[in-house]
Amino acid sequence: MVVYASLYPFTGWRVQGVSPLAFLQAPLPQYWTGFDVVSNLLGYAPLGFLLSVAMLRSDGRRWVWAVAFGVPTLLSLGVETLQNYLPMRVPSNVDLVLNSAGAALGASCAWALERLGALRHWSQFRADWFEPTAHGGLVLLALWPLSLLYPLSVPFGLGQVWDRLESGLVELLDETPFLTWLPIRLEAPDPLSPLAEAFCIGLCLLSPLLMGYAEMRSIGRRAVFLLMLFLCAFGAAGLSATLTYGPAHAWAWVNPQTFLGMGAALLAGLLMLGLTRRLCTVVMLLTLAVSLTLLNLAPDSPYFAQSLEVWEQGRFIRFHGVSQWLGWLWPFAALIFGMRLLARTPAAAEPPH
């Protein structure tokens, strides 16, 4: 993410004829904004934090600061140097210092949490709440709220890729005989009806819910996870609308279809609290397949296309691609994960207690 934010838009590479490291001795910039300072400081904090946690959990305590501070600093030095060759980017020694300070801040937070016993408590919490083999599912569940930040034509409707994939393939294969092989839609598809949209919203919420159910072995913990997932979904969708339309329209996406879909998903989630791990995975795969089919058969509205222009041209332009790719790929990664989990889960798995 930091590489994407530092080198976007990855076009127009050229050689300026100056030393790539000349920015290290350049005077301090005269113009800067609070957003630039905060983004450069906090942008590297998660990297320093995660590297520090990784070293602490792998018996590499002697090298915590060398790795958690040194690796982000070298990464920042590398991307700042590469910015010399991009016309829209300006390397800055202040950015390098702020990035290093952010990494140190993240590493300090990890060290403090370790001293307070938080990492040990997390390990115990993970052992109590999740199956011992829960790895990929937890990563996908952690990425799911981030994938909702990019504007979606249907609330929580991840994986709507066919329109852009079709236009990209047409452009790529233009003036070639392979263009006739594409299954191009000759007529504009009909938009989803309100009932179909509500059905799709419900399925899109059930997918991560059932993924979490499959990694838990207690009905009580599943019920808590159900509540937390719905709160997280509301928060992520509201934040996305805030970033796109402004704080006054944070809840513009909430309409009767959304209420109906969320209500149906909540009721279905309560009814499926007692499903076995294997059955949760099977139903998750079915919800993903049906929701992806519905979403990719439906067109984007013109109003939604205008909202994308606001997002992609605003101050978050350096990050929109990351969240966009997450929104496109998350359902397909969940499909692969579900099929792999289904292949190794015993058919006679016990229901949660």
Protein backbone atom coordinates (compact mmCIF):
# COMPACT_ATOMS: atom_id res chain seq x y z
CA MET A 1 0.00 0.00 0.00
CA VAL A 2 2.80 2.46 0.83
CA VAL A 3 4.56 1.66 -2.44
CA TYR A 4 1.32 2.23 -4.35
CA ALA A 5 0.69 5.52 -2.56
CA SER A 6 4.26 6.70 -3.11
CA LEU A 7 4.61 5.86 -6.82
CA TYR A 8 1.08 6.32 -8.18
CA PRO A 9 0.28 6.71 -11.12
CA PHE A 10 3.34 4.69 -12.29
CA THR A 11 3.48 6.49 -15.66
CA GLY A 12 5.73 9.04 -17.34
CA TRP A 13 9.04 7.68 -16.11
CA ARG A 14 11.99 9.88 -17.18
CA VAL A 15 15.57 10.75 -16.23
CA GLN A 16 16.08 14.33 -15.01
CA GLY A 17 19.87 14.31 -15.05
CA VAL A 18 20.27 14.93 -11.30
CA SER A 19 21.68 12.70 -8.60
CA PRO A 20 18.94 10.36 -7.34
CA LEU A 21 19.99 11.09 -3.74
CA ALA A 22 20.25 14.86 -4.11
CA PHE A 23 16.97 15.30 -2.21
CA LEU A 24 18.70 14.20 1.01
CA GLN A 25 20.68 17.47 1.11
CA ALA A 26 17.92 19.67 -0.31
CA PRO A 27 16.54 22.53 1.83
CA LEU A 28 13.30 21.99 3.67
CA PRO A 29 10.19 22.46 1.49
CA GLN A 30 8.44 25.81 1.74
CA TYR A 31 4.96 24.43 1.15
CA TRP A 32 3.37 21.52 3.00
CA THR A 33 -0.06 20.54 4.31
CA GLY A 34 -1.24 18.87 7.47
CA PHE A 35 -2.63 15.98 5.42
CA ASP A 36 0.83 15.30 3.93
CA VAL A 37 2.47 15.30 7.36
CA VAL A 38 -0.14 13.00 8.93
CA SER A 39 -0.27 10.60 5.95
CA ASN A 40 3.53 10.28 5.81
CA LEU A 41 3.77 9.77 9.56
CA LEU A 42 0.94 7.28 9.92
CA GLY A 43 1.43 5.56 6.56
CA TYR A 44 4.47 3.63 7.79
CA ALA A 45 3.25 3.04 11.36
CA PRO A 46 1.35 -0.19 10.53
CA LEU A 47 4.41 -1.57 8.74
CA GLY A 48 6.64 -0.90 11.73
CA PHE A 49 4.00 -2.34 14.05
CA LEU A 50 3.53 -5.55 12.05
CA LEU A 51 7.26 -6.13 11.59
CA SER A 52 7.80 -5.63 15.31
CA VAL A 53 5.00 -8.04 16.21
CA ALA A 54 6.36 -10.61 13.75
CA MET A 55 9.81 -10.46 15.34
CA LEU A 56 8.41 -10.63 18.87
CA ARG A 57 6.31 -13.67 18.03
CA SER A 58 9.16 -15.50 16.28
CA ASP A 59 11.80 -15.20 19.04
CA GLY A 60 13.67 -12.45 17.18
CA ARG A 61 13.69 -9.96 20.05
CA ARG A 62 17.31 -8.98 19.49
CA TRP A 63 16.47 -7.76 16.00
CA VAL A 64 13.13 -6.08 16.65
CA TRP A 65 14.28 -2.50 16.25
CA ALA A 66 16.74 -3.28 13.47
CA VAL A 67 13.97 -4.86 11.37
CA ALA A 68 10.95 -2.78 12.44
CA PHE A 69 12.80 0.52 11.95
CA GLY A 70 15.43 -0.38 9.36
CA VAL A 71 13.24 -2.10 6.77
CA PRO A 72 10.61 0.70 6.54
CA THR A 73 13.39 3.32 6.42
CA LEU A 74 15.10 1.53 3.55
CA LEU A 75 11.75 1.11 1.81
CA SER A 76 11.03 4.83 2.19
CA LEU A 77 14.50 5.71 0.88
CA GLY A 78 13.90 3.46 -2.12
CA VAL A 79 10.51 4.91 -3.08
CA GLU A 80 11.65 8.50 -2.49
CA THR A 81 14.60 7.83 -4.79
CA LEU A 82 12.30 6.38 -7.45
CA GLN A 83 10.14 9.51 -7.26
CA ASN A 84 12.99 11.33 -9.02
CA TYR A 85 11.88 9.57 -12.20
CA LEU A 86 8.16 10.39 -11.95
CA PRO A 87 6.96 13.76 -13.28
CA MET A 88 4.08 14.05 -10.80
CA ARG A 89 6.09 13.18 -7.67
CA VAL A 90 8.72 15.14 -5.74
CA PRO A 91 11.18 13.33 -3.44
CA SER A 92 11.50 14.90 -0.02
CA ASN A 93 13.88 14.44 2.89
CA VAL A 94 11.05 15.48 5.21
CA ASP A 95 8.91 12.60 3.91
CA LEU A 96 11.77 10.21 4.60
CA VAL A 97 12.11 11.45 8.18
CA LEU A 98 8.34 11.28 8.76
CA ASN A 99 8.15 7.76 7.31
CA SER A 100 10.97 6.59 9.59
CA ALA A 101 9.32 8.28 12.57
CA GLY A 102 6.05 6.55 11.71
CA ALA A 103 7.79 3.17 11.60
CA ALA A 104 9.39 3.88 14.97
CA LEU A 105 5.98 4.89 16.35
CA GLY A 106 4.43 1.62 15.16
CA ALA A 107 7.31 -0.43 16.57
CA SER A 108 7.04 1.41 19.90
CA CYS A 109 3.31 0.62 20.09
CA ALA A 110 4.01 -3.06 19.44
CA TRP A 111 6.74 -3.12 22.09
CA ALA A 112 4.48 -1.40 24.62
CA LEU A 113 1.63 -3.82 23.92
CA GLU A 114 3.99 -6.75 24.32
CA ARG A 115 5.21 -5.41 27.66
CA LEU A 116 1.60 -5.03 28.80
CA GLY A 117 0.85 -8.63 27.80
CA ALA A 118 -1.53 -7.73 24.96
CA LEU A 119 0.13 -10.06 22.46
CA ARG A 120 -0.11 -12.95 24.90
CA HIS A 121 -3.77 -12.15 25.51
CA TRP A 122 -4.39 -12.06 21.75
CA SER A 123 -2.84 -15.51 21.36
CA GLN A 124 -5.06 -16.81 24.13
CA PHE A 125 -8.11 -15.10 22.63
CA ARG A 126 -7.36 -16.63 19.24
CA ALA A 127 -6.99 -20.10 20.77
CA ASP A 128 -10.28 -19.74 22.65
CA TRP A 129 -12.38 -18.32 19.83
CA PHE A 130 -11.09 -19.88 16.62
CA GLU A 131 -10.21 -23.27 15.24
CA PRO A 132 -6.49 -24.16 15.41
CA THR A 133 -6.33 -24.18 11.59
CA ALA A 134 -7.88 -20.71 11.24
CA HIS A 135 -5.35 -18.71 9.23
CA GLY A 136 -6.48 -17.60 5.77
CA GLY A 137 -10.03 -17.00 6.90
CA LEU A 138 -8.90 -14.52 9.55
CA VAL A 139 -6.86 -12.61 6.98
CA LEU A 140 -9.82 -12.42 4.60
CA LEU A 141 -12.14 -11.30 7.39
CA ALA A 142 -9.67 -8.56 8.37
CA LEU A 143 -9.52 -7.36 4.74
CA TRP A 144 -13.29 -7.41 4.21
CA PRO A 145 -14.02 -3.99 5.84
CA LEU A 146 -11.17 -2.41 3.84
CA SER A 147 -12.62 -3.79 0.60
CA LEU A 148 -15.90 -1.99 1.37
CA LEU A 149 -14.23 1.45 1.36
CA TYR A 150 -14.27 1.74 -2.42
CA PRO A 151 -17.72 2.92 -3.62
CA LEU A 152 -20.04 0.06 -4.57
CA SER A 153 -23.10 0.21 -6.82
CA VAL A 154 -24.86 -2.27 -4.49
CA PRO A 155 -24.12 -1.97 -0.75
CA PHE A 156 -21.61 -4.68 0.27
CA GLY A 157 -21.63 -5.93 -3.35
CA LEU A 158 -18.00 -6.94 -3.85
CA GLY A 159 -16.69 -8.57 -7.02
CA GLN A 160 -18.61 -6.60 -9.68
CA VAL A 161 -15.87 -6.80 -12.29
CA TRP A 162 -17.47 -7.88 -15.57
CA ASP A 163 -18.17 -4.42 -17.04
CA ARG A 164 -14.60 -3.20 -16.55
CA LEU A 165 -13.14 -6.55 -17.53
CA GLU A 166 -15.19 -6.57 -20.71
CA SER A 167 -14.19 -3.02 -21.68
CA GLY A 168 -10.54 -3.77 -20.91
CA LEU A 169 -10.55 -6.91 -23.05
CA VAL A 170 -12.26 -5.08 -25.91
CA GLU A 171 -9.58 -2.38 -25.81
CA LEU A 172 -6.81 -4.97 -25.60
CA LEU A 173 -8.10 -7.15 -28.44
CA ASP A 174 -9.27 -4.31 -30.69
CA GLU A 175 -8.34 -4.85 -34.36
CA THR A 176 -7.47 -8.48 -33.72
CA PRO A 177 -9.41 -11.60 -34.79
CA PHE A 178 -9.74 -12.62 -31.13
CA LEU A 179 -12.26 -9.84 -30.51
CA THR A 180 -15.02 -11.98 -32.03
CA TRP A 181 -14.39 -14.63 -29.39
CA LEU A 182 -15.50 -12.38 -26.54
CA PRO A 183 -19.05 -12.94 -25.22
CA ILE A 184 -19.91 -9.24 -25.50
CA ARG A 185 -23.41 -8.24 -24.42
CA LEU A 186 -25.13 -6.62 -27.40
CA GLU A 187 -27.94 -5.11 -25.33
CA ALA A 188 -27.66 -3.18 -22.11
CA PRO A 189 -28.67 -5.44 -19.20
CA ASP A 190 -31.58 -4.53 -16.99
CA PRO A 191 -30.73 -3.13 -13.55
CA LEU A 192 -31.48 -5.14 -10.46
CA SER A 193 -35.02 -4.83 -9.18
CA PRO A 194 -35.38 -3.61 -5.56
CA LEU A 195 -36.16 -7.16 -4.41
CA ALA A 196 -33.19 -8.61 -6.31
CA GLU A 197 -30.93 -5.91 -4.86
CA ALA A 198 -32.10 -6.71 -1.33
CA PHE A 199 -31.50 -10.42 -1.99
CA CYS A 200 -28.00 -9.63 -3.25
CA ILE A 201 -27.22 -7.47 -0.20
CA GLY A 202 -28.26 -10.29 2.08
CA LEU A 203 -26.06 -12.81 0.25
CA CYS A 204 -23.07 -10.44 0.31
CA LEU A 205 -23.36 -10.13 4.09
CA LEU A 206 -23.81 -13.85 4.61
CA SER A 207 -20.55 -14.68 2.82
CA PRO A 208 -18.13 -13.22 5.41
CA LEU A 209 -20.52 -14.19 8.21
CA LEU A 210 -20.41 -17.87 7.26
CA MET A 211 -16.65 -17.65 6.74
CA GLY A 212 -16.35 -16.53 10.35
CA TYR A 213 -18.77 -19.23 11.52
CA ALA A 214 -16.58 -21.87 9.86
CA GLU A 215 -13.59 -20.71 11.92
CA MET A 216 -15.42 -20.71 15.28
CA ARG A 217 -16.42 -23.61 17.47
CA SER A 218 -18.95 -22.04 19.82
CA ILE A 219 -22.51 -20.89 19.14
CA GLY A 220 -22.13 -18.09 21.69
CA ARG A 221 -19.01 -16.76 20.01
CA ARG A 222 -20.72 -16.98 16.63
CA ALA A 223 -23.56 -14.84 17.97
CA VAL A 224 -21.07 -12.20 19.15
CA PHE A 225 -19.32 -12.32 15.79
CA LEU A 226 -22.69 -11.84 14.04
CA LEU A 227 -23.28 -8.61 15.95
CA MET A 228 -19.71 -7.35 15.40
CA LEU A 229 -19.81 -8.06 11.67
CA PHE A 230 -23.01 -6.07 11.17
CA LEU A 231 -21.63 -3.15 13.16
CA CYS A 232 -18.41 -3.30 11.13
CA ALA A 233 -20.38 -3.42 7.87
CA PHE A 234 -22.39 -0.34 8.86
CA GLY A 235 -19.23 1.52 9.84
CA ALA A 236 -17.27 0.65 6.69
CA ALA A 237 -20.14 1.51 4.35
CA GLY A 238 -20.76 4.78 6.21
CA LEU A 239 -17.06 5.70 6.00
CA SER A 240 -17.02 4.94 2.28
CA ALA A 241 -20.03 7.20 1.69
CA THR A 242 -18.42 9.91 3.83
CA LEU A 243 -15.20 9.82 1.80
CA THR A 244 -17.14 9.82 -1.48
CA TYR A 245 -20.02 12.24 -0.93
CA GLY A 246 -19.12 14.04 2.30
CA PRO A 247 -20.16 13.64 5.97
CA ALA A 248 -23.65 14.95 5.28
CA HIS A 249 -24.34 11.92 3.06
CA ALA A 250 -22.73 9.25 5.21
CA TRP A 251 -25.94 7.21 5.31
CA ALA A 252 -27.23 7.92 1.79
CA TRP A 253 -26.78 4.25 0.93
CA VAL A 254 -29.36 3.19 3.53
CA ASN A 255 -32.68 2.59 1.76
CA PRO A 256 -35.56 0.07 2.01
CA GLN A 257 -33.62 -2.50 -0.05
CA THR A 258 -30.66 -2.22 2.32
CA PHE A 259 -32.86 -2.66 5.40
CA LEU A 260 -34.59 -5.66 3.84
CA GLY A 261 -31.32 -7.30 2.78
CA MET A 262 -29.62 -6.71 6.12
CA GLY A 263 -32.68 -7.93 7.99
CA ALA A 264 -32.80 -11.11 5.91
CA ALA A 265 -29.08 -11.69 6.44
CA LEU A 266 -29.46 -11.16 10.19
CA LEU A 267 -32.35 -13.64 10.40
CA ALA A 268 -30.49 -16.20 8.25
CA GLY A 269 -27.37 -15.73 10.36
CA LEU A 270 -29.32 -16.47 13.55
CA LEU A 271 -30.88 -19.58 12.01
CA MET A 272 -27.47 -20.90 10.90
CA LEU A 273 -25.66 -20.46 14.22
CA GLY A 274 -25.60 -24.21 14.77
CA LEU A 275 -24.33 -25.34 11.36
CA THR A 276 -21.24 -27.53 11.18
CA ARG A 277 -18.00 -26.08 9.86
CA ARG A 278 -18.29 -27.96 6.60
CA LEU A 279 -21.89 -26.93 6.00
CA CYS A 280 -21.01 -23.29 6.72
CA THR A 281 -18.36 -23.47 4.01
CA VAL A 282 -20.76 -25.04 1.51
CA VAL A 283 -23.43 -22.38 2.07
CA MET A 284 -20.76 -19.65 1.91
CA LEU A 285 -19.68 -20.89 -1.52
CA LEU A 286 -23.31 -20.90 -2.70
CA THR A 287 -23.88 -17.32 -1.49
CA LEU A 288 -20.71 -16.16 -3.21
CA ALA A 289 -21.61 -17.84 -6.50
CA VAL A 290 -25.16 -16.44 -6.59
CA SER A 291 -24.19 -12.91 -5.50
CA LEU A 292 -21.35 -12.70 -8.03
CA THR A 293 -23.72 -13.84 -10.78
CA LEU A 294 -26.34 -11.24 -9.87
CA LEU A 295 -23.82 -8.41 -9.53
CA ASN A 296 -22.02 -9.09 -12.80
CA LEU A 297 -25.26 -9.37 -14.78
CA ALA A 298 -26.34 -5.93 -13.57
CA PRO A 299 -25.02 -2.60 -14.99
CA ASP A 300 -23.62 0.34 -13.05
CA SER A 301 -25.89 3.38 -12.81
CA PRO A 302 -24.72 6.70 -14.34
CA TYR A 303 -24.99 8.33 -10.90
CA PHE A 304 -22.65 5.70 -9.50
CA ALA A 305 -20.14 6.35 -12.30
CA GLN A 306 -20.12 10.04 -11.33
CA SER A 307 -19.44 9.15 -7.71
CA LEU A 308 -16.42 7.12 -8.79
CA GLU A 309 -14.99 10.19 -10.52
CA VAL A 310 -15.27 12.12 -7.25
CA TRP A 311 -13.46 9.34 -5.37
CA GLU A 312 -10.76 8.74 -7.97
CA GLN A 313 -9.91 12.42 -8.37
CA GLY A 314 -9.93 13.40 -4.70
CA ARG A 315 -7.16 13.39 -2.15
CA PHE A 316 -7.49 9.62 -1.72
CA ILE A 317 -6.49 9.01 -5.35
CA ARG A 318 -3.25 7.36 -4.20
CA PHE A 319 -5.19 4.71 -2.31
CA HIS A 320 -8.30 4.13 -4.42
CA GLY A 321 -6.62 1.49 -6.54
CA VAL A 322 -5.73 -0.64 -3.53
CA SER A 323 -9.26 -0.60 -2.12
CA GLN A 324 -10.69 -1.11 -5.60
CA TRP A 325 -8.63 -4.24 -6.20
CA LEU A 326 -9.58 -5.52 -2.75
CA GLY A 327 -13.26 -5.06 -3.62
CA TRP A 328 -12.82 -6.84 -6.93
CA LEU A 329 -10.75 -9.77 -5.71
CA TRP A 330 -12.09 -10.46 -2.21
CA PRO A 331 -15.03 -12.70 -3.28
CA PHE A 332 -12.83 -14.72 -5.63
CA ALA A 333 -10.17 -15.16 -2.94
CA ALA A 334 -12.98 -16.27 -0.60
CA LEU A 335 -14.13 -18.81 -3.20
CA ILE A 336 -10.64 -20.30 -3.44
CA PHE A 337 -10.30 -20.33 0.35
CA GLY A 338 -13.70 -21.98 0.75
CA MET A 339 -12.94 -24.72 -1.74
CA ARG A 340 -9.60 -25.46 -0.07
CA LEU A 341 -11.25 -25.51 3.36
CA LEU A 342 -13.96 -27.81 2.07
CA ALA A 343 -11.36 -30.19 0.68
CA ARG A 344 -9.61 -30.62 4.02
CA THR A 345 -12.59 -30.44 6.41
CA PRO A 346 -13.94 -33.87 7.45
CA ALA A 347 -17.45 -34.55 6.22
CA ALA A 348 -18.50 -35.68 9.70
CA ALA A 349 -17.39 -32.50 11.46
CA GLU A 350 -19.13 -31.92 14.77
CA PRO A 351 -21.53 -28.97 15.18
CA PRO A 352 -20.42 -26.11 17.45
CA HIS A 353 -21.25 -26.43 21.13
